[in-house]
Amino acid sequence: METERSPRPSAGGAASRVVGTHAVLLELDGLEQVWAYAAEAMRRRAAGQLGPASDIVAGARTVLFDGLADPAAFCDELASWSPDPAAASSGRLHELEIRYDGEDLEVVAEQLGMGREAFIELHCAREHRVAFLGFAPGFAYLAGLAPHRVARRSTPRTRVEAGSVGVADEYTGIYPRASPGGWQLIGRCDAWLWDLDRQSPARFAPGDRVRFVPAAA
């Protein structure tokens, strides 16, 4: 059985390593590089260059490639990649309506030293970027609040309803299904986020852009 190997240098200072029997972990400096490599990987997969079983999982500073026939050979191939950052900045734009009626909306506004309406205006004025997906299928970490940061709840809720919109640290997230959660809830959204009947079950991909619009009363 393959075990994790020492990192191999790749283009732009990135480092890759074989993990397990069918995966490669690419270690990067930050989200801009993650978006660029993830966009390049998805382009190559669409062109049939990664194999139909390959899976691309972006993190805060990593991209995991799973389902590879020859991970060691893929590490060598990664060393020659020079993804164009501009490709990542042209991710799809999603416009989503939110009802800003969350239980923690006043708490969030107070944490940031502003009024409720000022926070809603700030949240809608920003273009949020899909940093990575995790926690649950279809749950996207949307970067866009920085330099503002919101503390998580001291006691997580045992159940957060599907469609709930929460904020934590510099991220916004929309719960794709009911689950426990510790993010501060600011509203609700009815958009689908995860659907196994679609060719791409997740609505969002790393590098996508999101704008929020207040729902009509």
N, C-alpha and C. Protein backbone atom coordinates (compact mmCIF):
# COMPACT_ATOMS: atom_id res chain seq x y z
N MET A 1 0.85 -1.20 0.00
CA MET A 1 0.00 0.00 0.00
C MET A 1 0.88 1.25 0.00
N GLU A 2 0.53 2.24 -0.81
CA GLU A 2 1.30 3.49 -0.88
C GLU A 2 1.12 4.27 0.42
N THR A 3 2.15 4.91 0.88
CA THR A 3 2.07 5.80 2.03
C THR A 3 2.43 7.20 1.59
N GLU A 4 2.20 8.17 2.47
CA GLU A 4 2.48 9.57 2.12
C GLU A 4 3.98 9.74 1.89
N ARG A 5 4.32 10.45 0.80
CA ARG A 5 5.71 10.66 0.44
C ARG A 5 6.11 12.10 0.67
N SER A 6 7.42 12.34 0.63
CA SER A 6 7.93 13.70 0.81
C SER A 6 7.45 14.59 -0.31
N PRO A 7 7.24 15.89 -0.02
CA PRO A 7 6.74 16.80 -1.05
C PRO A 7 7.72 16.94 -2.21
N ARG A 8 7.17 17.13 -3.41
CA ARG A 8 7.98 17.42 -4.59
C ARG A 8 7.70 18.85 -5.01
N PRO A 9 8.75 19.64 -5.28
CA PRO A 9 8.52 21.02 -5.70
C PRO A 9 7.78 21.09 -7.03
N SER A 10 6.85 22.03 -7.13
CA SER A 10 6.12 22.27 -8.37
C SER A 10 6.34 23.70 -8.80
N ALA A 11 5.76 24.07 -9.93
CA ALA A 11 5.91 25.42 -10.45
C ALA A 11 5.37 26.43 -9.44
N GLY A 12 6.01 27.60 -9.37
CA GLY A 12 5.53 28.67 -8.51
C GLY A 12 5.74 28.42 -7.03
N GLY A 13 6.64 27.48 -6.65
CA GLY A 13 6.91 27.24 -5.24
C GLY A 13 5.95 26.27 -4.58
N ALA A 14 4.97 25.74 -5.31
CA ALA A 14 4.03 24.78 -4.75
C ALA A 14 4.75 23.45 -4.54
N ALA A 15 4.18 22.62 -3.66
CA ALA A 15 4.78 21.30 -3.39
C ALA A 15 3.67 20.26 -3.40
N SER A 16 3.93 19.12 -4.02
CA SER A 16 2.93 18.06 -4.09
C SER A 16 3.49 16.79 -3.46
N ARG A 17 2.57 15.96 -2.96
CA ARG A 17 2.98 14.69 -2.38
C ARG A 17 1.90 13.64 -2.64
N VAL A 18 2.34 12.39 -2.82
CA VAL A 18 1.40 11.27 -2.98
C VAL A 18 0.83 10.94 -1.61
N VAL A 19 -0.49 10.76 -1.56
CA VAL A 19 -1.18 10.41 -0.32
C VAL A 19 -2.01 9.16 -0.59
N GLY A 20 -1.75 8.09 0.16
CA GLY A 20 -2.49 6.86 -0.06
C GLY A 20 -2.14 6.22 -1.38
N THR A 21 -3.12 5.60 -2.03
CA THR A 21 -2.88 4.85 -3.28
C THR A 21 -3.35 5.56 -4.53
N HIS A 22 -4.25 6.54 -4.39
CA HIS A 22 -4.82 7.16 -5.60
C HIS A 22 -4.92 8.68 -5.51
N ALA A 23 -4.20 9.30 -4.57
CA ALA A 23 -4.38 10.74 -4.37
C ALA A 23 -3.06 11.49 -4.32
N VAL A 24 -3.14 12.79 -4.63
CA VAL A 24 -2.01 13.71 -4.54
C VAL A 24 -2.49 14.97 -3.84
N LEU A 25 -1.71 15.44 -2.87
CA LEU A 25 -2.02 16.67 -2.16
C LEU A 25 -1.05 17.76 -2.61
N LEU A 26 -1.60 18.87 -3.10
CA LEU A 26 -0.80 20.00 -3.54
C LEU A 26 -0.88 21.08 -2.47
N GLU A 27 0.28 21.51 -1.95
CA GLU A 27 0.34 22.50 -0.89
C GLU A 27 0.72 23.85 -1.49
N LEU A 28 -0.08 24.89 -1.14
CA LEU A 28 0.07 26.19 -1.77
C LEU A 28 0.17 27.30 -0.72
N ASP A 29 0.37 28.54 -1.20
CA ASP A 29 0.60 29.66 -0.29
C ASP A 29 -0.68 30.34 0.17
N GLY A 30 -1.78 30.17 -0.54
CA GLY A 30 -3.01 30.86 -0.15
C GLY A 30 -4.11 30.65 -1.16
N LEU A 31 -5.23 31.36 -0.95
CA LEU A 31 -6.43 31.13 -1.75
C LEU A 31 -6.25 31.47 -3.23
N GLU A 32 -5.48 32.52 -3.53
CA GLU A 32 -5.31 32.90 -4.94
C GLU A 32 -4.69 31.75 -5.72
N GLN A 33 -3.67 31.10 -5.14
CA GLN A 33 -3.06 29.95 -5.80
C GLN A 33 -4.02 28.77 -5.85
N VAL A 34 -4.75 28.55 -4.76
CA VAL A 34 -5.73 27.45 -4.74
C VAL A 34 -6.72 27.61 -5.87
N TRP A 35 -7.27 28.82 -6.02
CA TRP A 35 -8.26 29.06 -7.08
C TRP A 35 -7.65 28.82 -8.45
N ALA A 36 -6.42 29.29 -8.64
CA ALA A 36 -5.78 29.14 -9.95
C ALA A 36 -5.55 27.67 -10.29
N TYR A 37 -5.02 26.90 -9.35
CA TYR A 37 -4.77 25.47 -9.61
C TYR A 37 -6.07 24.69 -9.76
N ALA A 38 -7.07 25.01 -8.93
CA ALA A 38 -8.35 24.31 -9.05
C ALA A 38 -9.00 24.59 -10.40
N ALA A 39 -8.94 25.85 -10.86
CA ALA A 39 -9.51 26.19 -12.17
C ALA A 39 -8.77 25.47 -13.29
N GLU A 40 -7.45 25.40 -13.20
CA GLU A 40 -6.67 24.70 -14.21
C GLU A 40 -6.99 23.21 -14.20
N ALA A 41 -7.14 22.64 -13.00
CA ALA A 41 -7.45 21.21 -12.90
C ALA A 41 -8.82 20.91 -13.50
N MET A 42 -9.81 21.76 -13.22
CA MET A 42 -11.15 21.53 -13.77
C MET A 42 -11.15 21.68 -15.29
N ARG A 43 -10.34 22.61 -15.79
CA ARG A 43 -10.23 22.75 -17.25
C ARG A 43 -9.64 21.49 -17.87
N ARG A 44 -8.61 20.96 -17.24
CA ARG A 44 -7.98 19.75 -17.77
C ARG A 44 -8.89 18.53 -17.63
N ARG A 45 -9.65 18.47 -16.54
CA ARG A 45 -10.57 17.34 -16.39
C ARG A 45 -11.65 17.38 -17.45
N ALA A 46 -12.17 18.59 -17.73
CA ALA A 46 -13.19 18.73 -18.77
C ALA A 46 -12.64 18.33 -20.13
N ALA A 47 -11.33 18.52 -20.33
CA ALA A 47 -10.70 18.15 -21.60
C ALA A 47 -10.27 16.67 -21.62
N GLY A 48 -10.58 15.94 -20.54
CA GLY A 48 -10.25 14.52 -20.49
C GLY A 48 -8.81 14.21 -20.17
N GLN A 49 -8.11 15.17 -19.56
CA GLN A 49 -6.68 14.99 -19.30
C GLN A 49 -6.39 14.46 -17.89
N LEU A 50 -7.41 14.40 -17.02
CA LEU A 50 -7.19 13.90 -15.67
C LEU A 50 -7.85 12.55 -15.42
N GLY A 51 -8.69 12.12 -16.32
CA GLY A 51 -9.42 10.87 -16.13
C GLY A 51 -10.79 11.14 -15.53
N PRO A 52 -11.80 10.36 -15.93
CA PRO A 52 -13.18 10.61 -15.50
C PRO A 52 -13.41 10.40 -14.01
N ALA A 53 -12.55 9.59 -13.34
CA ALA A 53 -12.76 9.29 -11.92
C ALA A 53 -12.06 10.29 -11.00
N SER A 54 -11.34 11.24 -11.57
CA SER A 54 -10.58 12.18 -10.74
C SER A 54 -11.52 13.12 -9.99
N ASP A 55 -11.13 13.42 -8.76
CA ASP A 55 -11.89 14.33 -7.91
C ASP A 55 -10.97 15.46 -7.48
N ILE A 56 -11.47 16.70 -7.49
CA ILE A 56 -10.66 17.87 -7.16
C ILE A 56 -11.28 18.53 -5.93
N VAL A 57 -10.53 18.57 -4.84
CA VAL A 57 -11.05 19.12 -3.58
C VAL A 57 -10.15 20.26 -3.13
N ALA A 58 -10.65 21.49 -3.20
CA ALA A 58 -9.86 22.66 -2.81
C ALA A 58 -10.04 22.94 -1.33
N GLY A 59 -8.95 23.36 -0.67
CA GLY A 59 -8.97 23.77 0.72
C GLY A 59 -8.47 25.19 0.86
N ALA A 60 -8.19 25.62 2.07
CA ALA A 60 -7.72 26.98 2.29
C ALA A 60 -6.33 27.18 1.69
N ARG A 61 -5.47 26.15 1.76
CA ARG A 61 -4.11 26.25 1.22
C ARG A 61 -3.68 24.98 0.49
N THR A 62 -4.62 24.15 0.13
CA THR A 62 -4.30 22.89 -0.55
C THR A 62 -5.32 22.57 -1.63
N VAL A 63 -4.89 21.72 -2.58
CA VAL A 63 -5.82 21.10 -3.52
C VAL A 63 -5.52 19.61 -3.49
N LEU A 64 -6.56 18.80 -3.23
CA LEU A 64 -6.41 17.35 -3.22
C LEU A 64 -6.96 16.78 -4.52
N PHE A 65 -6.15 15.97 -5.19
CA PHE A 65 -6.57 15.28 -6.40
C PHE A 65 -6.72 13.80 -6.04
N ASP A 66 -7.92 13.27 -6.17
CA ASP A 66 -8.18 11.88 -5.79
C ASP A 66 -8.68 11.10 -7.00
N GLY A 67 -8.61 9.78 -6.90
CA GLY A 67 -9.08 8.93 -7.99
C GLY A 67 -8.12 8.87 -9.16
N LEU A 68 -6.82 9.07 -8.90
CA LEU A 68 -5.81 9.10 -9.96
C LEU A 68 -5.28 7.69 -10.23
N ALA A 69 -5.09 7.37 -11.49
CA ALA A 69 -4.56 6.05 -11.85
C ALA A 69 -3.09 5.91 -11.46
N ASP A 70 -2.31 6.98 -11.60
CA ASP A 70 -0.88 6.94 -11.31
C ASP A 70 -0.49 8.23 -10.57
N PRO A 71 -0.65 8.26 -9.24
CA PRO A 71 -0.37 9.49 -8.49
C PRO A 71 1.06 9.98 -8.63
N ALA A 72 2.04 9.08 -8.66
CA ALA A 72 3.44 9.50 -8.76
C ALA A 72 3.68 10.23 -10.08
N ALA A 73 3.13 9.71 -11.16
CA ALA A 73 3.28 10.37 -12.46
C ALA A 73 2.56 11.72 -12.46
N PHE A 74 1.43 11.80 -11.74
CA PHE A 74 0.70 13.07 -11.68
C PHE A 74 1.50 14.12 -10.93
N CYS A 75 2.25 13.71 -9.89
CA CYS A 75 3.14 14.65 -9.18
C CYS A 75 4.15 15.25 -10.16
N ASP A 76 4.72 14.41 -11.01
CA ASP A 76 5.68 14.91 -11.99
C ASP A 76 5.01 15.88 -12.96
N GLU A 77 3.77 15.57 -13.34
CA GLU A 77 3.05 16.44 -14.27
C GLU A 77 2.74 17.79 -13.62
N LEU A 78 2.37 17.78 -12.34
CA LEU A 78 2.05 19.03 -11.64
C LEU A 78 3.23 20.00 -11.62
N ALA A 79 4.44 19.44 -11.60
CA ALA A 79 5.64 20.28 -11.56
C ALA A 79 5.75 21.19 -12.77
N SER A 80 5.07 20.84 -13.86
CA SER A 80 5.14 21.64 -15.08
C SER A 80 3.96 22.61 -15.23
N TRP A 81 2.99 22.53 -14.32
CA TRP A 81 1.82 23.41 -14.43
C TRP A 81 2.20 24.85 -14.08
N SER A 82 1.66 25.78 -14.83
CA SER A 82 1.78 27.21 -14.53
C SER A 82 0.42 27.85 -14.75
N PRO A 83 -0.52 27.62 -13.82
CA PRO A 83 -1.89 28.11 -14.04
C PRO A 83 -1.95 29.63 -14.07
N ASP A 84 -2.85 30.14 -14.87
CA ASP A 84 -3.03 31.58 -15.03
C ASP A 84 -3.99 32.08 -13.95
N PRO A 85 -3.55 32.95 -13.04
CA PRO A 85 -4.45 33.47 -12.00
C PRO A 85 -5.68 34.14 -12.56
N ALA A 86 -5.58 34.69 -13.76
CA ALA A 86 -6.73 35.37 -14.36
C ALA A 86 -7.87 34.41 -14.64
N ALA A 87 -7.54 33.13 -14.88
CA ALA A 87 -8.58 32.14 -15.15
C ALA A 87 -9.45 31.94 -13.93
N ALA A 88 -8.83 31.97 -12.74
CA ALA A 88 -9.58 31.79 -11.51
C ALA A 88 -10.46 33.00 -11.21
N SER A 89 -10.02 34.18 -11.60
CA SER A 89 -10.79 35.39 -11.30
C SER A 89 -12.02 35.52 -12.18
N SER A 90 -12.15 34.66 -13.17
CA SER A 90 -13.32 34.72 -14.06
C SER A 90 -14.32 33.63 -13.74
N GLY A 91 -14.37 33.20 -12.45
CA GLY A 91 -15.34 32.19 -12.04
C GLY A 91 -16.76 32.66 -12.25
N ARG A 92 -17.68 31.72 -12.26
CA ARG A 92 -19.09 32.04 -12.48
C ARG A 92 -19.62 32.98 -11.41
N LEU A 93 -20.54 33.84 -11.80
CA LEU A 93 -21.17 34.77 -10.86
C LEU A 93 -22.56 34.25 -10.51
N HIS A 94 -22.82 34.11 -9.22
CA HIS A 94 -24.13 33.68 -8.72
C HIS A 94 -24.75 34.85 -7.96
N GLU A 95 -25.98 35.15 -8.25
CA GLU A 95 -26.71 36.19 -7.51
C GLU A 95 -27.82 35.51 -6.73
N LEU A 96 -27.78 35.64 -5.40
CA LEU A 96 -28.71 34.92 -4.54
C LEU A 96 -29.50 35.90 -3.67
N GLU A 97 -30.79 35.63 -3.54
CA GLU A 97 -31.63 36.43 -2.66
C GLU A 97 -31.55 35.89 -1.23
N ILE A 98 -31.46 36.80 -0.28
CA ILE A 98 -31.43 36.44 1.13
C ILE A 98 -32.50 37.22 1.89
N ARG A 99 -33.20 36.53 2.77
CA ARG A 99 -34.07 37.20 3.72
C ARG A 99 -33.24 37.44 4.99
N TYR A 100 -32.90 38.67 5.23
CA TYR A 100 -32.04 39.01 6.37
C TYR A 100 -32.89 39.08 7.65
N ASP A 101 -33.19 37.90 8.19
CA ASP A 101 -34.01 37.82 9.39
C ASP A 101 -33.44 36.81 10.37
N GLY A 102 -32.13 36.56 10.30
CA GLY A 102 -31.50 35.56 11.14
C GLY A 102 -31.50 35.92 12.62
N GLU A 103 -31.49 34.88 13.46
CA GLU A 103 -31.54 35.08 14.91
C GLU A 103 -30.33 35.84 15.45
N ASP A 104 -29.20 35.77 14.75
CA ASP A 104 -27.97 36.39 15.26
C ASP A 104 -27.60 37.67 14.52
N LEU A 105 -28.50 38.20 13.72
CA LEU A 105 -28.16 39.37 12.90
C LEU A 105 -27.77 40.56 13.77
N GLU A 106 -28.52 40.80 14.83
CA GLU A 106 -28.20 41.94 15.71
C GLU A 106 -26.86 41.71 16.41
N VAL A 107 -26.58 40.46 16.80
CA VAL A 107 -25.33 40.14 17.48
C VAL A 107 -24.15 40.41 16.55
N VAL A 108 -24.27 39.99 15.28
CA VAL A 108 -23.20 40.19 14.30
C VAL A 108 -22.95 41.67 14.09
N ALA A 109 -24.02 42.44 13.90
CA ALA A 109 -23.86 43.88 13.68
C ALA A 109 -23.18 44.54 14.87
N GLU A 110 -23.56 44.11 16.08
CA GLU A 110 -22.94 44.67 17.29
C GLU A 110 -21.47 44.30 17.38
N GLN A 111 -21.12 43.05 17.03
CA GLN A 111 -19.72 42.64 17.04
C GLN A 111 -18.87 43.53 16.14
N LEU A 112 -19.43 43.91 15.00
CA LEU A 112 -18.68 44.69 14.02
C LEU A 112 -18.82 46.20 14.25
N GLY A 113 -19.54 46.57 15.28
CA GLY A 113 -19.65 48.00 15.63
C GLY A 113 -20.48 48.79 14.66
N MET A 114 -21.55 48.18 14.16
CA MET A 114 -22.41 48.89 13.22
C MET A 114 -23.85 48.50 13.46
N GLY A 115 -24.76 49.20 12.82
CA GLY A 115 -26.17 48.87 12.94
C GLY A 115 -26.57 47.72 12.03
N ARG A 116 -27.76 47.20 12.26
CA ARG A 116 -28.27 46.07 11.46
C ARG A 116 -28.31 46.40 9.98
N GLU A 117 -28.89 47.53 9.62
CA GLU A 117 -29.01 47.90 8.21
C GLU A 117 -27.65 48.16 7.58
N ALA A 118 -26.71 48.70 8.36
CA ALA A 118 -25.36 48.94 7.83
C ALA A 118 -24.67 47.62 7.51
N PHE A 119 -24.89 46.60 8.36
CA PHE A 119 -24.28 45.30 8.06
C PHE A 119 -24.88 44.69 6.80
N ILE A 120 -26.19 44.76 6.67
CA ILE A 120 -26.85 44.21 5.47
C ILE A 120 -26.32 44.89 4.22
N GLU A 121 -26.18 46.21 4.30
CA GLU A 121 -25.63 46.96 3.15
C GLU A 121 -24.21 46.52 2.84
N LEU A 122 -23.39 46.33 3.87
CA LEU A 122 -22.01 45.86 3.68
C LEU A 122 -22.00 44.47 3.05
N HIS A 123 -22.82 43.58 3.57
CA HIS A 123 -22.84 42.18 3.10
C HIS A 123 -23.25 42.11 1.63
N CYS A 124 -24.19 42.95 1.23
CA CYS A 124 -24.67 42.93 -0.15
C CYS A 124 -23.74 43.68 -1.10
N ALA A 125 -22.98 44.62 -0.58
CA ALA A 125 -22.08 45.42 -1.44
C ALA A 125 -20.84 44.62 -1.84
N ARG A 126 -20.46 43.62 -1.04
CA ARG A 126 -19.25 42.85 -1.32
C ARG A 126 -19.51 41.77 -2.37
N GLU A 127 -18.48 41.51 -3.18
CA GLU A 127 -18.51 40.34 -4.05
C GLU A 127 -17.75 39.24 -3.32
N HIS A 128 -18.44 38.19 -2.94
CA HIS A 128 -17.86 37.10 -2.18
C HIS A 128 -17.29 36.06 -3.15
N ARG A 129 -16.19 35.41 -2.73
CA ARG A 129 -15.56 34.39 -3.56
C ARG A 129 -15.64 33.04 -2.86
N VAL A 130 -15.91 31.99 -3.63
CA VAL A 130 -15.93 30.64 -3.07
C VAL A 130 -14.48 30.24 -2.79
N ALA A 131 -14.11 30.23 -1.51
CA ALA A 131 -12.74 29.88 -1.14
C ALA A 131 -12.52 28.38 -1.27
N PHE A 132 -13.41 27.60 -0.68
CA PHE A 132 -13.33 26.15 -0.74
C PHE A 132 -14.64 25.57 -0.24
N LEU A 133 -14.84 24.27 -0.44
CA LEU A 133 -16.03 23.58 0.02
C LEU A 133 -15.64 22.58 1.10
N GLY A 134 -16.53 22.40 2.09
CA GLY A 134 -16.23 21.48 3.16
C GLY A 134 -17.37 21.43 4.16
N PHE A 135 -17.15 20.77 5.29
CA PHE A 135 -18.10 20.64 6.38
C PHE A 135 -19.25 19.71 5.99
N ALA A 136 -19.91 19.97 4.87
CA ALA A 136 -21.02 19.14 4.39
C ALA A 136 -21.06 19.27 2.86
N PRO A 137 -21.58 18.27 2.15
CA PRO A 137 -21.66 18.35 0.69
C PRO A 137 -22.38 19.62 0.24
N GLY A 138 -21.71 20.41 -0.59
CA GLY A 138 -22.31 21.63 -1.12
C GLY A 138 -22.12 22.86 -0.26
N PHE A 139 -21.50 22.71 0.94
CA PHE A 139 -21.29 23.86 1.82
C PHE A 139 -20.05 24.61 1.36
N ALA A 140 -20.23 25.86 0.94
CA ALA A 140 -19.12 26.67 0.43
C ALA A 140 -18.72 27.73 1.44
N TYR A 141 -17.43 27.89 1.63
CA TYR A 141 -16.89 28.96 2.46
C TYR A 141 -16.68 30.17 1.54
N LEU A 142 -17.50 31.21 1.72
CA LEU A 142 -17.50 32.38 0.84
C LEU A 142 -16.70 33.50 1.50
N ALA A 143 -15.52 33.79 0.96
CA ALA A 143 -14.67 34.85 1.51
C ALA A 143 -15.14 36.20 0.98
N GLY A 144 -15.30 37.16 1.89
CA GLY A 144 -15.74 38.47 1.42
C GLY A 144 -15.93 39.49 2.52
N LEU A 145 -15.85 39.06 3.78
CA LEU A 145 -16.06 40.00 4.87
C LEU A 145 -14.79 40.69 5.33
N ALA A 146 -13.63 40.11 5.05
CA ALA A 146 -12.36 40.69 5.52
C ALA A 146 -12.26 42.17 5.09
N PRO A 147 -11.71 43.03 5.97
CA PRO A 147 -11.02 42.72 7.23
C PRO A 147 -11.94 42.51 8.41
N HIS A 148 -13.26 42.58 8.22
CA HIS A 148 -14.19 42.30 9.31
C HIS A 148 -14.18 40.81 9.62
N ARG A 149 -14.24 40.46 10.90
CA ARG A 149 -14.26 39.05 11.31
C ARG A 149 -15.31 38.88 12.39
N VAL A 150 -16.05 37.78 12.28
CA VAL A 150 -17.16 37.51 13.20
C VAL A 150 -16.84 36.26 14.00
N ALA A 151 -16.99 36.33 15.31
CA ALA A 151 -16.74 35.17 16.17
C ALA A 151 -17.88 34.16 16.04
N ARG A 152 -17.54 32.89 16.08
CA ARG A 152 -18.56 31.84 16.09
C ARG A 152 -19.32 31.89 17.42
N ARG A 153 -20.46 31.23 17.46
CA ARG A 153 -21.22 31.11 18.69
C ARG A 153 -20.42 30.33 19.72
N SER A 154 -20.51 30.73 20.98
CA SER A 154 -19.80 30.00 22.03
C SER A 154 -20.37 28.60 22.21
N THR A 155 -21.68 28.44 21.95
CA THR A 155 -22.34 27.14 22.03
C THR A 155 -23.03 26.86 20.70
N PRO A 156 -22.54 25.89 19.91
CA PRO A 156 -23.17 25.58 18.62
C PRO A 156 -24.61 25.12 18.79
N ARG A 157 -25.42 25.40 17.80
CA ARG A 157 -26.79 24.88 17.79
C ARG A 157 -26.77 23.40 17.43
N THR A 158 -27.68 22.65 18.00
CA THR A 158 -27.77 21.22 17.67
C THR A 158 -28.43 21.00 16.32
N ARG A 159 -29.19 21.98 15.82
CA ARG A 159 -29.82 21.87 14.50
C ARG A 159 -29.95 23.24 13.86
N VAL A 160 -29.40 23.36 12.67
CA VAL A 160 -29.56 24.56 11.85
C VAL A 160 -30.31 24.15 10.60
N GLU A 161 -31.39 24.83 10.28
CA GLU A 161 -32.24 24.44 9.15
C GLU A 161 -31.54 24.66 7.81
N ALA A 162 -31.87 23.82 6.83
CA ALA A 162 -31.34 23.97 5.47
C ALA A 162 -31.71 25.34 4.92
N GLY A 163 -30.76 25.97 4.23
CA GLY A 163 -30.99 27.30 3.66
C GLY A 163 -30.60 28.43 4.59
N SER A 164 -30.23 28.10 5.84
CA SER A 164 -29.81 29.15 6.77
C SER A 164 -28.48 29.74 6.31
N VAL A 165 -28.37 31.06 6.40
CA VAL A 165 -27.14 31.77 6.02
C VAL A 165 -26.43 32.19 7.30
N GLY A 166 -25.16 31.81 7.42
CA GLY A 166 -24.40 32.15 8.61
C GLY A 166 -23.08 32.82 8.26
N VAL A 167 -22.49 33.48 9.25
CA VAL A 167 -21.17 34.08 9.08
C VAL A 167 -20.29 33.63 10.24
N ALA A 168 -19.00 33.46 9.94
CA ALA A 168 -18.00 33.11 10.94
C ALA A 168 -16.64 33.52 10.40
N ASP A 169 -15.84 34.14 11.25
CA ASP A 169 -14.55 34.66 10.83
C ASP A 169 -14.79 35.62 9.67
N GLU A 170 -14.12 35.42 8.52
CA GLU A 170 -14.34 36.32 7.38
C GLU A 170 -15.27 35.69 6.34
N TYR A 171 -15.90 34.55 6.68
CA TYR A 171 -16.66 33.77 5.70
C TYR A 171 -18.16 33.87 5.90
N THR A 172 -18.88 33.68 4.79
CA THR A 172 -20.32 33.46 4.80
C THR A 172 -20.57 32.05 4.30
N GLY A 173 -21.53 31.36 4.88
CA GLY A 173 -21.86 30.01 4.44
C GLY A 173 -23.37 29.80 4.44
N ILE A 174 -23.84 28.95 3.53
CA ILE A 174 -25.26 28.61 3.45
C ILE A 174 -25.38 27.11 3.71
N TYR A 175 -26.15 26.74 4.71
CA TYR A 175 -26.29 25.33 5.07
C TYR A 175 -27.12 24.60 4.01
N PRO A 176 -26.54 23.60 3.32
CA PRO A 176 -27.28 22.91 2.26
C PRO A 176 -28.33 21.93 2.79
N ARG A 177 -28.19 21.53 4.04
CA ARG A 177 -29.18 20.64 4.66
C ARG A 177 -29.15 20.88 6.16
N ALA A 178 -30.17 20.40 6.85
CA ALA A 178 -30.23 20.59 8.29
C ALA A 178 -29.07 19.85 8.96
N SER A 179 -28.41 20.54 9.90
CA SER A 179 -27.26 19.95 10.58
C SER A 179 -26.92 20.79 11.80
N PRO A 180 -26.10 20.27 12.72
CA PRO A 180 -25.59 21.12 13.79
C PRO A 180 -24.71 22.22 13.19
N GLY A 181 -24.53 23.32 13.91
CA GLY A 181 -23.68 24.39 13.39
C GLY A 181 -23.44 25.49 14.40
N GLY A 182 -22.26 26.09 14.33
CA GLY A 182 -21.90 27.13 15.27
C GLY A 182 -21.73 28.51 14.66
N TRP A 183 -22.16 28.68 13.38
CA TRP A 183 -22.02 29.99 12.75
C TRP A 183 -23.15 30.90 13.22
N GLN A 184 -22.90 32.21 13.15
CA GLN A 184 -23.90 33.20 13.51
C GLN A 184 -24.89 33.34 12.35
N LEU A 185 -26.18 33.12 12.62
CA LEU A 185 -27.18 33.10 11.56
C LEU A 185 -27.70 34.51 11.27
N ILE A 186 -27.61 34.90 9.98
CA ILE A 186 -28.04 36.25 9.59
C ILE A 186 -29.27 36.23 8.68
N GLY A 187 -29.66 35.07 8.14
CA GLY A 187 -30.82 35.04 7.26
C GLY A 187 -31.06 33.69 6.65
N ARG A 188 -31.84 33.69 5.55
CA ARG A 188 -32.19 32.45 4.87
C ARG A 188 -32.13 32.64 3.36
N CYS A 189 -31.83 31.55 2.65
CA CYS A 189 -31.74 31.55 1.19
C CYS A 189 -32.39 30.28 0.67
N ASP A 190 -33.18 30.39 -0.40
CA ASP A 190 -33.91 29.24 -0.94
C ASP A 190 -33.21 28.56 -2.11
N ALA A 191 -32.03 29.04 -2.50
CA ALA A 191 -31.34 28.47 -3.67
C ALA A 191 -30.88 27.04 -3.39
N TRP A 192 -30.89 26.18 -4.42
CA TRP A 192 -30.35 24.83 -4.25
C TRP A 192 -28.83 24.91 -4.17
N LEU A 193 -28.24 24.08 -3.34
CA LEU A 193 -26.79 24.07 -3.16
C LEU A 193 -26.17 22.72 -3.47
N TRP A 194 -26.96 21.66 -3.34
CA TRP A 194 -26.45 20.30 -3.57
C TRP A 194 -27.58 19.45 -4.12
N ASP A 195 -27.36 18.86 -5.30
CA ASP A 195 -28.40 18.07 -5.97
C ASP A 195 -27.73 16.94 -6.73
N LEU A 196 -27.88 15.71 -6.26
CA LEU A 196 -27.22 14.56 -6.88
C LEU A 196 -27.78 14.25 -8.27
N ASP A 197 -28.93 14.82 -8.62
CA ASP A 197 -29.50 14.57 -9.94
C ASP A 197 -28.88 15.47 -11.01
N ARG A 198 -28.06 16.41 -10.61
CA ARG A 198 -27.39 17.30 -11.57
C ARG A 198 -26.02 16.75 -11.93
N GLN A 199 -25.53 17.11 -13.10
CA GLN A 199 -24.21 16.64 -13.54
C GLN A 199 -23.13 17.08 -12.56
N SER A 200 -23.21 18.31 -12.09
CA SER A 200 -22.32 18.81 -11.04
C SER A 200 -23.19 19.05 -9.81
N PRO A 201 -23.19 18.12 -8.84
CA PRO A 201 -24.11 18.23 -7.70
C PRO A 201 -23.97 19.52 -6.91
N ALA A 202 -22.75 20.03 -6.76
CA ALA A 202 -22.54 21.26 -5.99
C ALA A 202 -22.80 22.49 -6.85
N ARG A 203 -23.55 23.43 -6.32
CA ARG A 203 -23.83 24.66 -7.07
C ARG A 203 -22.56 25.48 -7.28
N PHE A 204 -21.70 25.50 -6.26
CA PHE A 204 -20.52 26.36 -6.29
C PHE A 204 -19.25 25.57 -6.57
N ALA A 205 -18.27 26.25 -7.17
CA ALA A 205 -16.93 25.71 -7.36
C ALA A 205 -15.93 26.74 -6.85
N PRO A 206 -14.76 26.32 -6.37
CA PRO A 206 -13.76 27.29 -5.90
C PRO A 206 -13.47 28.36 -6.95
N GLY A 207 -13.44 29.60 -6.52
CA GLY A 207 -13.20 30.71 -7.43
C GLY A 207 -14.46 31.36 -7.95
N ASP A 208 -15.62 30.69 -7.81
CA ASP A 208 -16.88 31.32 -8.21
C ASP A 208 -17.13 32.57 -7.38
N ARG A 209 -17.91 33.49 -7.93
CA ARG A 209 -18.23 34.75 -7.26
C ARG A 209 -19.71 34.75 -6.87
N VAL A 210 -20.00 35.35 -5.74
CA VAL A 210 -21.38 35.36 -5.23
C VAL A 210 -21.74 36.78 -4.79
N ARG A 211 -22.90 37.24 -5.23
CA ARG A 211 -23.45 38.51 -4.75
C ARG A 211 -24.80 38.23 -4.10
N PHE A 212 -25.03 38.85 -2.94
CA PHE A 212 -26.28 38.68 -2.23
C PHE A 212 -27.19 39.88 -2.44
N VAL A 213 -28.48 39.60 -2.59
CA VAL A 213 -29.50 40.62 -2.80
C VAL A 213 -30.58 40.44 -1.74
N PRO A 214 -30.98 41.50 -1.04
CA PRO A 214 -32.05 41.35 -0.06
C PRO A 214 -33.36 40.92 -0.73
N ALA A 215 -33.99 39.90 -0.20
CA ALA A 215 -35.26 39.43 -0.77
C ALA A 215 -36.34 40.46 -0.52
N ALA A 216 -37.27 40.56 -1.47
CA ALA A 216 -38.38 41.49 -1.32
C ALA A 216 -39.24 41.08 -0.12
N ALA A 217 -39.71 42.05 0.61
CA ALA A 217 -40.52 41.77 1.80
C ALA A 217 -41.84 41.13 1.40
